Protein backbone atom coordinates (compact mmCIF):
# COMPACT_ATOMS: atom_id res chain seq x y z
CA UNK A 1 74.81 129.81 102.13
CA UNK A 2 74.00 126.11 102.46
CA UNK A 3 75.27 123.35 104.66
CA UNK A 4 74.95 119.62 104.27
CA UNK A 5 73.34 119.14 107.67
CA UNK A 6 70.08 120.42 109.20
CA UNK A 7 70.19 123.89 110.71
CA UNK A 8 69.77 123.03 114.39
CA UNK A 9 73.27 124.42 114.91
CA UNK A 10 73.79 126.56 111.82
CA UNK A 11 71.17 129.11 112.80
CA UNK A 12 73.23 130.11 115.81
CA UNK A 13 76.23 131.01 113.71
CA UNK A 14 74.23 133.96 112.49
CA UNK A 15 73.11 135.16 115.92
CA UNK A 16 76.16 134.37 118.02
CA UNK A 17 79.17 136.60 118.57
CA UNK A 18 81.24 133.49 119.14
CA UNK A 19 82.54 130.99 116.63
CA UNK A 20 81.11 128.02 118.56
CA UNK A 21 78.00 127.28 116.48
CA UNK A 22 75.77 125.85 119.21
CA UNK A 23 75.88 128.57 121.88
CA UNK A 24 72.55 130.32 122.40
CA UNK A 25 73.77 133.89 122.69
CA UNK A 26 72.16 136.74 120.76
CA UNK A 27 74.24 138.51 118.19
CA UNK A 28 75.59 141.95 118.92
CA UNK A 29 73.12 144.05 116.98
CA UNK A 30 74.21 145.87 113.81
CA UNK A 31 72.08 149.02 113.85
CA UNK A 32 71.44 150.50 110.45
CA UNK A 33 71.42 154.32 110.08
CA UNK A 34 67.72 154.24 109.14
CA UNK A 35 66.82 152.29 112.26
CA UNK A 36 68.85 154.61 114.50
CA UNK A 37 67.07 157.61 112.99
CA UNK A 38 63.66 156.08 113.69
CA UNK A 39 64.67 155.20 117.25
CA UNK A 40 65.88 158.75 117.88
CA UNK A 41 62.59 160.23 116.65
CA UNK A 42 60.59 157.87 118.87
CA UNK A 43 62.66 158.81 121.92
CA UNK A 44 62.39 162.54 121.21
CA UNK A 45 58.62 162.53 121.04
CA UNK A 46 58.48 160.36 124.17
CA UNK A 47 55.96 157.97 122.69
CA UNK A 48 56.29 154.18 122.69
CA UNK A 49 55.16 152.64 119.41
CA UNK A 50 54.36 149.03 118.73
CA UNK A 51 56.80 147.25 116.44
CA UNK A 52 53.89 146.55 114.11
CA UNK A 53 53.99 150.20 113.05
CA UNK A 54 57.66 150.36 112.05
CA UNK A 55 56.94 149.89 108.36
CA UNK A 56 54.42 152.73 108.34
CA UNK A 57 56.77 155.21 109.99
CA UNK A 58 59.21 155.18 107.11
CA UNK A 59 56.62 156.44 104.62
CA UNK A 60 56.41 160.15 103.77
CA UNK A 61 53.23 161.74 105.24
CA UNK A 62 51.67 162.13 101.81
CA UNK A 63 51.93 158.42 101.10
CA UNK A 64 50.20 157.18 104.23
CA UNK A 65 46.81 157.09 102.53
CA UNK A 66 48.21 154.38 100.26
CA UNK A 67 49.48 152.23 103.14
CA UNK A 68 47.46 149.07 103.71
CA UNK A 69 47.78 146.15 106.07
CA UNK A 70 46.42 142.61 105.94
CA UNK A 71 46.70 139.42 107.96
CA UNK A 72 44.52 137.29 105.68
CA UNK A 73 47.31 135.78 103.57
CA UNK A 74 46.80 132.03 103.32
CA UNK A 75 49.23 130.17 105.61
CA UNK A 76 49.66 126.40 105.42
CA UNK A 77 51.67 124.66 108.13
CA UNK A 78 52.31 121.12 109.33
CA UNK A 79 54.84 119.44 111.59
CA UNK A 80 57.26 116.74 110.50
CA UNK A 81 60.02 114.57 111.90
CA UNK A 82 63.59 115.76 111.55
CA UNK A 83 66.08 113.36 110.01
CA UNK A 84 68.96 114.21 112.33
CA UNK A 85 71.10 117.08 113.58
CA UNK A 86 74.84 117.54 113.94
CA UNK A 87 75.99 116.89 117.52
CA UNK A 88 79.78 116.73 117.55
CA UNK A 89 81.92 119.04 119.68
CA UNK A 90 78.98 121.03 121.06
CA UNK A 91 79.42 123.47 123.93
CA UNK A 92 77.47 121.24 126.32
CA UNK A 93 76.73 117.50 126.29
CA UNK A 94 73.25 116.24 127.14
CA UNK A 95 72.39 113.25 129.33
CA UNK A 96 69.03 112.17 130.66
CA UNK A 97 65.54 110.83 130.06
CA UNK A 98 62.26 112.72 129.98
CA UNK A 99 58.63 111.79 129.31
CA UNK A 100 56.53 114.53 127.75
CA UNK A 101 52.72 114.07 127.65
CA UNK A 102 52.66 115.44 124.09
CA UNK A 103 55.94 114.31 122.51
CA UNK A 104 56.50 111.01 124.34
CA UNK A 105 59.86 109.88 125.68
CA UNK A 106 63.27 111.33 124.78
CA UNK A 107 66.67 110.03 125.87
CA UNK A 108 70.01 111.81 125.54
CA UNK A 109 73.41 110.07 125.73
CA UNK A 110 76.93 111.03 124.70
CA UNK A 111 80.32 109.68 123.68
CA UNK A 112 83.61 111.34 124.53
CA UNK A 113 87.35 110.83 124.28
CA UNK A 114 89.91 111.81 126.92
CA UNK A 115 93.37 113.22 126.28
CA UNK A 116 96.58 113.14 128.27
CA UNK A 117 97.21 116.01 130.64
CA UNK A 118 100.91 115.50 130.00
CA UNK A 119 102.42 113.25 127.34
CA UNK A 120 105.36 110.97 128.14
CA UNK A 121 104.20 110.66 131.74
CA UNK A 122 105.34 107.68 133.85
CA UNK A 123 103.44 106.27 136.84
CA UNK A 124 106.72 105.26 138.46
CA UNK A 125 107.92 101.95 139.88
CA UNK A 126 105.27 99.29 140.62
CA UNK A 127 102.24 101.62 140.33
CA UNK A 128 98.90 100.39 141.70
CA UNK A 129 95.57 102.09 140.89
CA UNK A 130 93.43 103.02 143.91
CA UNK A 131 90.44 104.59 142.16
CA UNK A 132 89.32 106.17 138.89
CA UNK A 133 86.88 109.08 139.13
CA UNK A 134 84.89 110.66 136.31
CA UNK A 135 83.79 114.25 137.00
CA UNK A 136 81.18 116.18 134.98
CA UNK A 137 80.29 119.80 135.74
CA UNK A 138 76.63 120.78 135.59
CA UNK A 139 75.80 123.58 133.15
CA UNK A 140 71.99 123.57 133.10
CA UNK A 141 69.01 121.25 132.80
CA UNK A 142 65.53 120.84 131.35
CA UNK A 143 62.78 119.11 133.27
CA UNK A 144 62.25 118.13 136.90
CA UNK A 145 65.38 118.69 138.98
CA UNK A 146 64.05 116.27 141.62
CA UNK A 147 64.22 113.36 139.17
CA UNK A 148 66.16 110.28 140.24
CA UNK A 149 68.39 109.21 137.35
CA UNK A 150 70.52 106.11 136.87
CA UNK A 151 73.56 106.71 134.68
CA UNK A 152 75.54 103.89 133.08
CA UNK A 153 79.11 104.12 131.77
CA UNK A 154 80.73 101.90 129.12
CA UNK A 155 84.10 101.96 127.37
CA UNK A 156 84.24 102.79 123.67
CA UNK A 157 85.32 99.98 121.36
CA UNK A 158 86.00 102.16 118.32
CA UNK A 159 87.84 105.42 117.66
CA UNK A 160 85.91 108.61 117.12
CA UNK A 161 87.60 111.50 115.34
CA UNK A 162 87.69 115.25 115.91
CA UNK A 163 87.66 115.97 112.16
CA UNK A 164 84.59 113.81 111.47
CA UNK A 165 80.95 114.86 111.57
CA UNK A 166 78.56 113.01 113.85
CA UNK A 167 74.77 113.25 114.00
CA UNK A 168 72.12 112.69 116.64
CA UNK A 169 71.05 109.29 115.24
CA UNK A 170 74.59 107.88 115.17
CA UNK A 171 76.12 105.45 117.66
CA UNK A 172 79.60 104.04 118.25
CA UNK A 173 80.61 100.52 119.28
CA UNK A 174 81.07 100.02 123.02
CA UNK A 175 82.49 97.17 125.08
CA UNK A 176 79.87 95.03 126.88
CA UNK A 177 81.31 95.44 130.39
CA UNK A 178 79.43 97.95 132.54
CA UNK A 179 82.13 100.12 134.12
CA UNK A 180 79.87 102.08 136.44
CA UNK A 181 76.25 102.58 137.39
CA UNK A 182 75.15 105.43 139.62
CA UNK A 183 71.68 106.38 140.79
CA UNK A 184 71.48 110.02 141.85
CA UNK A 185 69.39 113.16 142.07
CA UNK A 186 71.30 116.05 140.49
CA UNK A 187 72.31 118.80 142.88
CA UNK A 188 72.80 122.02 140.94
CA UNK A 189 73.22 124.31 143.96
CA UNK A 190 75.52 122.86 146.60
CA UNK A 191 79.31 122.83 146.45
CA UNK A 192 81.17 119.53 146.39
CA UNK A 193 83.92 118.87 148.94
CA UNK A 194 86.84 116.85 147.56
CA UNK A 195 89.64 116.52 150.07
CA UNK A 196 90.76 120.05 150.98
CA UNK A 197 88.96 121.58 147.98
CA UNK A 198 85.45 123.10 147.75
CA UNK A 199 84.29 122.78 144.15
CA UNK A 200 81.34 123.94 142.08
CA UNK A 201 78.38 121.53 141.71
CA UNK A 202 79.26 118.51 139.59
CA UNK A 203 78.61 114.80 139.21
CA UNK A 204 81.27 112.30 140.34
CA UNK A 205 81.24 108.67 139.18
CA UNK A 206 83.58 105.98 140.49
CA UNK A 207 84.71 103.99 137.44
CA UNK A 208 86.39 101.35 139.57
CA UNK A 209 83.48 100.40 141.81
CA UNK A 210 81.97 97.60 139.69
CA UNK A 211 85.17 96.49 138.00
CA UNK A 212 88.81 97.54 138.21
CA UNK A 213 89.46 96.53 134.61
CA UNK A 214 89.77 100.04 133.14
CA UNK A 215 91.84 101.61 135.91
CA UNK A 216 94.17 98.59 135.96
CA UNK A 217 94.72 98.89 132.20
CA UNK A 218 95.36 102.62 132.49
CA UNK A 219 97.92 102.21 135.26
CA UNK A 220 99.64 99.36 133.37
CA UNK A 221 99.66 101.22 130.05
CA UNK A 222 102.78 100.67 127.88
CA UNK A 223 105.10 103.68 127.84
CA UNK A 224 104.75 104.14 124.08
CA UNK A 225 100.97 104.58 124.51
CA UNK A 226 101.67 107.54 126.81
CA UNK A 227 104.11 109.13 124.37
CA UNK A 228 101.48 110.99 122.31
CA UNK A 229 97.76 111.61 122.42
CA UNK A 230 97.34 109.72 119.15
CA UNK A 231 98.91 106.59 120.61
CA UNK A 232 96.91 106.99 123.84
CA UNK A 233 93.62 107.23 121.91
CA UNK A 234 94.42 103.97 120.17
CA UNK A 235 94.88 102.37 123.59
CA UNK A 236 91.87 103.96 125.35
CA UNK A 237 89.19 105.21 122.96
CA UNK A 238 86.88 106.90 125.44
CA UNK A 239 83.59 106.48 127.30
CA UNK A 240 79.88 106.22 126.50
CA UNK A 241 77.37 107.58 129.02
CA UNK A 242 73.68 106.79 128.93
CA UNK A 243 70.78 106.54 131.40
CA UNK A 244 67.97 104.18 132.28
CA UNK A 245 64.63 105.40 130.97
CA UNK A 246 62.39 107.18 133.46
CA UNK A 247 58.76 106.10 133.83
CA UNK A 248 57.37 109.61 134.41
CA UNK A 249 58.60 113.20 134.49
CA UNK A 250 62.34 113.16 133.98
CA UNK A 251 65.20 115.48 133.24
CA UNK A 252 67.83 116.18 130.59
CA UNK A 253 71.06 117.46 132.18
CA UNK A 254 73.48 119.71 130.30
CA UNK A 255 77.12 119.01 131.21
CA UNK A 256 80.02 121.34 130.44
CA UNK A 257 82.69 118.85 129.40
CA UNK A 258 85.15 121.64 128.60
CA UNK A 259 85.15 122.87 132.19
CA UNK A 260 88.28 122.34 134.27
CA UNK A 261 86.09 120.31 136.63
CA UNK A 262 85.14 117.82 133.92
CA UNK A 263 87.50 114.97 133.15
CA UNK A 264 88.85 111.74 134.59
CA UNK A 265 91.40 111.36 137.39
CA UNK A 266 93.24 108.21 138.43
CA UNK A 267 94.46 107.97 142.03
CA UNK A 268 97.37 105.60 142.62
CA UNK A 269 100.44 104.76 144.65
CA UNK A 270 103.87 103.37 143.78
CA UNK A 271 107.06 102.37 145.55
CA UNK A 272 107.94 105.99 146.22
CA UNK A 273 104.62 107.54 147.27
CA UNK A 274 101.26 106.53 148.73
CA UNK A 275 99.18 109.41 147.37
CA UNK A 276 99.46 110.28 143.69
CA UNK A 277 97.09 111.22 140.88
CA UNK A 278 97.03 111.90 137.16
CA UNK A 279 94.42 113.71 135.02
CA UNK A 280 92.85 112.77 131.70
CA UNK A 281 91.31 115.90 130.18
CA UNK A 282 88.56 116.91 127.80
CA UNK A 283 89.39 119.98 125.70
CA UNK A 284 88.66 121.56 122.34
CA UNK A 285 90.73 118.86 120.59
CA UNK A 286 88.66 116.06 122.14
CA UNK A 287 86.21 114.26 119.87
CA UNK A 288 82.74 113.89 121.38
CA UNK A 289 79.16 113.70 120.16
CA UNK A 290 75.59 113.26 121.38
CA UNK A 291 72.98 110.63 120.58
CA UNK A 292 69.25 111.36 120.92
CA UNK A 293 66.46 108.77 120.84
CA UNK A 294 62.72 109.54 120.73
CA UNK A 295 59.84 107.16 121.44
CA UNK A 296 56.86 108.99 119.99
CA UNK A 297 54.52 106.03 120.53
CA UNK A 298 53.99 107.42 124.04
CA UNK A 299 52.95 110.83 122.72
CA UNK A 300 49.58 112.50 122.37
CA UNK A 301 47.29 110.91 119.68
CA UNK A 302 46.89 114.22 117.79
CA UNK A 303 50.67 114.65 117.76
CA UNK A 304 51.19 111.13 116.44
CA UNK A 305 48.55 111.60 113.75
CA UNK A 306 50.18 114.75 112.39
CA UNK A 307 53.87 113.96 112.83
CA UNK A 308 54.03 110.17 112.43
CA UNK A 309 51.03 109.57 110.13
CA UNK A 310 51.59 112.76 108.11
CA UNK A 311 48.07 114.16 108.51
CA UNK A 312 49.05 117.69 107.47
CA UNK A 313 45.48 119.02 107.90
CA UNK A 314 45.99 118.90 111.67
CA UNK A 315 48.41 121.80 111.31
CA UNK A 316 45.33 124.01 111.19
CA UNK A 317 44.81 123.37 114.89
CA UNK A 318 48.29 122.96 116.34
CA UNK A 319 51.94 122.70 115.29
CA UNK A 320 54.99 121.31 117.10
CA UNK A 321 58.69 122.14 117.34
CA UNK A 322 61.14 120.02 119.34
CA UNK A 323 64.89 120.11 119.92
CA UNK A 324 67.19 117.03 120.08
CA UNK A 325 66.73 116.36 116.37
CA UNK A 326 63.03 115.87 116.98
CA UNK A 327 60.34 117.83 115.13
CA UNK A 328 60.16 120.84 112.80
CA UNK A 329 57.24 122.72 111.24
CA UNK A 330 56.97 123.51 107.53
CA UNK A 331 55.25 126.80 106.65
CA UNK A 332 54.08 127.97 103.22
CA UNK A 333 52.37 131.05 101.78
CA UNK A 334 50.96 129.59 98.53
CA UNK A 335 49.04 132.71 97.44
CA UNK A 336 51.72 135.30 98.22
CA UNK A 337 52.27 136.16 94.55
CA UNK A 338 48.63 137.26 94.21
CA UNK A 339 49.59 140.49 95.97
CA UNK A 340 50.72 141.68 92.53
CA UNK A 341 47.40 140.87 90.85
CA UNK A 342 46.15 144.45 91.27
CA UNK A 343 49.44 146.13 90.51
CA UNK A 344 52.87 146.48 92.01
CA UNK A 345 53.35 147.12 95.70
CA UNK A 346 56.21 147.92 98.08
CA UNK A 347 56.26 145.84 101.25
CA UNK A 348 56.83 148.12 104.23
CA UNK A 349 56.96 145.22 106.66
CA UNK A 350 56.05 141.53 106.77
CA UNK A 351 56.02 139.65 110.03
CA UNK A 352 55.09 136.07 110.78
CA UNK A 353 53.37 135.66 114.15
CA UNK A 354 53.36 132.39 116.07
CA UNK A 355 51.31 132.11 119.25
CA UNK A 356 51.95 129.41 121.85
CA UNK A 357 49.14 126.86 122.14
CA UNK A 358 49.45 125.78 125.78
CA UNK A 359 48.22 127.99 128.60
CA UNK A 360 50.24 125.97 131.13
CA UNK A 361 52.92 123.96 129.29
CA UNK A 362 54.40 122.47 132.46
CA UNK A 363 57.86 122.60 130.90
CA UNK A 364 59.67 125.87 130.11
CA UNK A 365 58.83 127.36 126.72
CA UNK A 366 61.48 127.36 124.02
CA UNK A 367 63.58 130.52 124.19
CA UNK A 368 64.47 130.80 120.48
CA UNK A 369 63.06 129.49 117.21
CA UNK A 370 64.70 129.78 113.80
CA UNK A 371 63.20 130.12 110.32
CA UNK A 372 64.97 129.03 107.11
CA UNK A 373 63.91 128.64 103.47
CA UNK A 374 63.70 125.23 101.80
CA UNK A 375 64.77 124.11 98.33
CA UNK A 376 63.76 121.31 95.96
CA UNK A 377 66.17 118.74 97.40
CA UNK A 378 65.49 119.36 101.08
CA UNK A 379 68.35 121.80 101.59
CA UNK A 380 67.94 125.17 103.20
CA UNK A 381 69.19 128.74 103.19
CA UNK A 382 69.33 131.40 105.85
CA UNK A 383 67.10 134.42 105.42
CA UNK A 384 68.93 137.66 104.80
CA UNK A 385 67.02 139.30 107.66
CA UNK A 386 68.64 136.93 110.14
CA UNK A 387 72.00 138.59 109.56
CA UNK A 388 70.59 141.76 111.15
CA UNK A 389 70.39 140.03 114.55
CA UNK A 390 67.57 138.77 116.73
CA UNK A 391 66.27 142.21 117.72
CA UNK A 392 65.44 142.84 114.07
CA UNK A 393 64.77 139.30 112.83
CA UNK A 394 62.96 137.98 115.90
CA UNK A 395 62.57 134.32 116.80
CA UNK A 396 62.82 134.81 120.57
CA UNK A 397 59.92 134.20 122.95
CA UNK A 398 57.99 137.44 123.44
CA UNK A 399 56.09 137.43 126.74
CA UNK A 400 53.90 140.36 125.73
CA UNK A 401 52.46 138.53 122.72
CA UNK A 402 52.75 135.05 124.30
CA UNK A 403 54.60 133.79 121.27
CA UNK A 404 57.23 134.43 118.63
CA UNK A 405 57.54 136.61 115.55
CA UNK A 406 59.87 136.88 112.56
CA UNK A 407 60.39 140.03 110.50
CA UNK A 408 60.80 138.72 106.93
CA UNK A 409 60.05 141.81 104.85
CA UNK A 410 62.67 141.45 102.10
CA UNK A 411 62.07 137.72 101.80
CA UNK A 412 58.33 138.19 101.28
CA UNK A 413 58.87 140.98 98.73
CA UNK A 414 61.20 138.63 96.86
CA UNK A 415 58.61 135.84 96.85
CA UNK A 416 55.99 138.20 95.45
CA UNK A 417 58.25 139.19 92.54
CA UNK A 418 59.80 135.81 91.78
CA UNK A 419 58.51 133.22 89.33
CA UNK A 420 60.74 130.48 90.76
CA UNK A 421 59.21 127.51 92.62
CA UNK A 422 58.54 128.22 96.28
CA UNK A 423 59.20 125.32 98.67
CA UNK A 424 58.28 127.19 101.82
CA UNK A 425 60.03 127.63 105.15
CA UNK A 426 61.11 125.33 107.94
CA UNK A 427 60.77 126.29 111.59
CA UNK A 428 63.27 124.74 114.00
CA UNK A 429 64.14 125.09 117.63
CA UNK A 430 67.33 127.09 117.87
CA UNK A 431 70.34 125.21 119.25
CA UNK A 432 68.59 121.87 118.99
CA UNK A 433 71.72 119.89 119.82
CA UNK A 434 72.45 121.73 123.06
CA UNK A 435 69.04 121.92 124.72
CA UNK A 436 65.96 119.74 125.17
CA UNK A 437 63.24 122.37 124.74
CA UNK A 438 59.96 122.02 122.86
CA UNK A 439 56.94 124.18 122.11
CA UNK A 440 53.37 123.83 120.85
CA UNK A 441 52.16 126.55 118.49
CA UNK A 442 48.62 127.52 117.57
CA UNK A 443 47.86 126.38 114.01
CA UNK A 444 46.69 128.29 110.96
CA UNK A 445 42.91 127.94 111.56
CA UNK A 446 42.41 126.76 115.15
CA UNK A 447 39.10 125.73 116.67
CA UNK A 448 38.27 125.57 120.38
CA UNK A 449 40.00 125.63 122.83
CA UNK A 450 42.42 127.83 120.89
CA UNK A 451 41.26 131.34 120.02
CA UNK A 452 41.03 131.82 116.21
CA UNK A 453 42.53 135.29 116.72
CA UNK A 454 45.71 133.56 117.90
CA UNK A 455 46.19 131.73 114.62
CA UNK A 456 49.53 131.52 112.87
CA UNK A 457 49.49 134.50 110.51
CA UNK A 458 51.54 136.66 108.21
CA UNK A 459 50.90 140.39 108.71
CA UNK A 460 51.88 142.41 105.63
CA UNK A 461 51.96 146.21 105.61
CA UNK A 462 52.42 147.57 102.09
CA UNK A 463 52.09 150.57 99.80
CA UNK A 464 50.49 150.45 96.38
CA UNK A 465 52.83 151.78 93.67
CA UNK A 466 50.28 151.92 90.84
């Protein structure tokens, strides 16, 4: 099944038990009867077998003499820039700046609407705004948690819509007035005391400190603009949050905008009371999207040569995958159909192995990668094996092998039999709109310092039928 946007979010629909497409949660595994039988046999004999032997186990004893295995299939790989990824209404919103010695500088910003907590609300007689506070709950982060960030907040000058698609390269018009600027070091551990309440860690920004323009307009809002959310969104279109670029290190913070702690609160008084407040909320009906910007000119020369200058030969040494609509790797098996040159075969198992290149990456390794097939116009399709779940399909970081693997048995068998054009596979970072991860992979024919045995390879176990 195809989509009109890159698969940085689509891949998670196949591995997530939830309908939110960007959550990185493994699918509840669908065990096939054959797999359960194999597992039971393994447990009964009390012997742990490597997953590389699964294909062999399903063969009758008399056929094992015909079972062969090879890892010499030609693999061609190179890394390329991504056009963009879909970033609207994701489960978390990313904000921050990070400098990577390989990939250069990346900056994450976001746009969001706010909705009325209660429509038809009145601020009473002669209301006066005292303060306007934006709260954002921390969900996670990538990078150095000791980074000092400066966040800037602007008001949107155009409507964004919940039923529209937005991509990582897109922007929206904002008003020139800086509403707030806050320099802070994120605190992900300590509770926040607000009046009598002790709240989970979150960021608080005073939107009335530099100028009272927004909170004055909100408190003086015409009654008809409070009647419905549609009329309110025409009056106040939302906020844009971005950060000043860091000069070294850095961090990308993941905020949970759908949390009860996230939103905007106006504190005010009127003729009848000195201490009042009203909430503007962010919920599943709130339009929001992320914007990601990469400056690869600050990256490693070998990275720039391969990804920016399109020197595909450098994929023999190293390949790159980056989230935030950054970089993907294209993989091809141009000689795969030659397996049939000496007669028909049955593929017992085919697995693609990808070893990490860096001994000490400094930043956490990507947790999940995703593999899709390409077509002639740049579209893509999911592999059938992915529907079996990550335990079968793979794609997660495997500490034992210091890398990743994908079980693509049926797909490879299909390629061997087909006479249709083969446009190869694309390797992405899973959930690329909701995390800032990246990874370096050993190429197809690495030289020092990488070990040639760690090369990117396709291991095919098969049985000759003739």
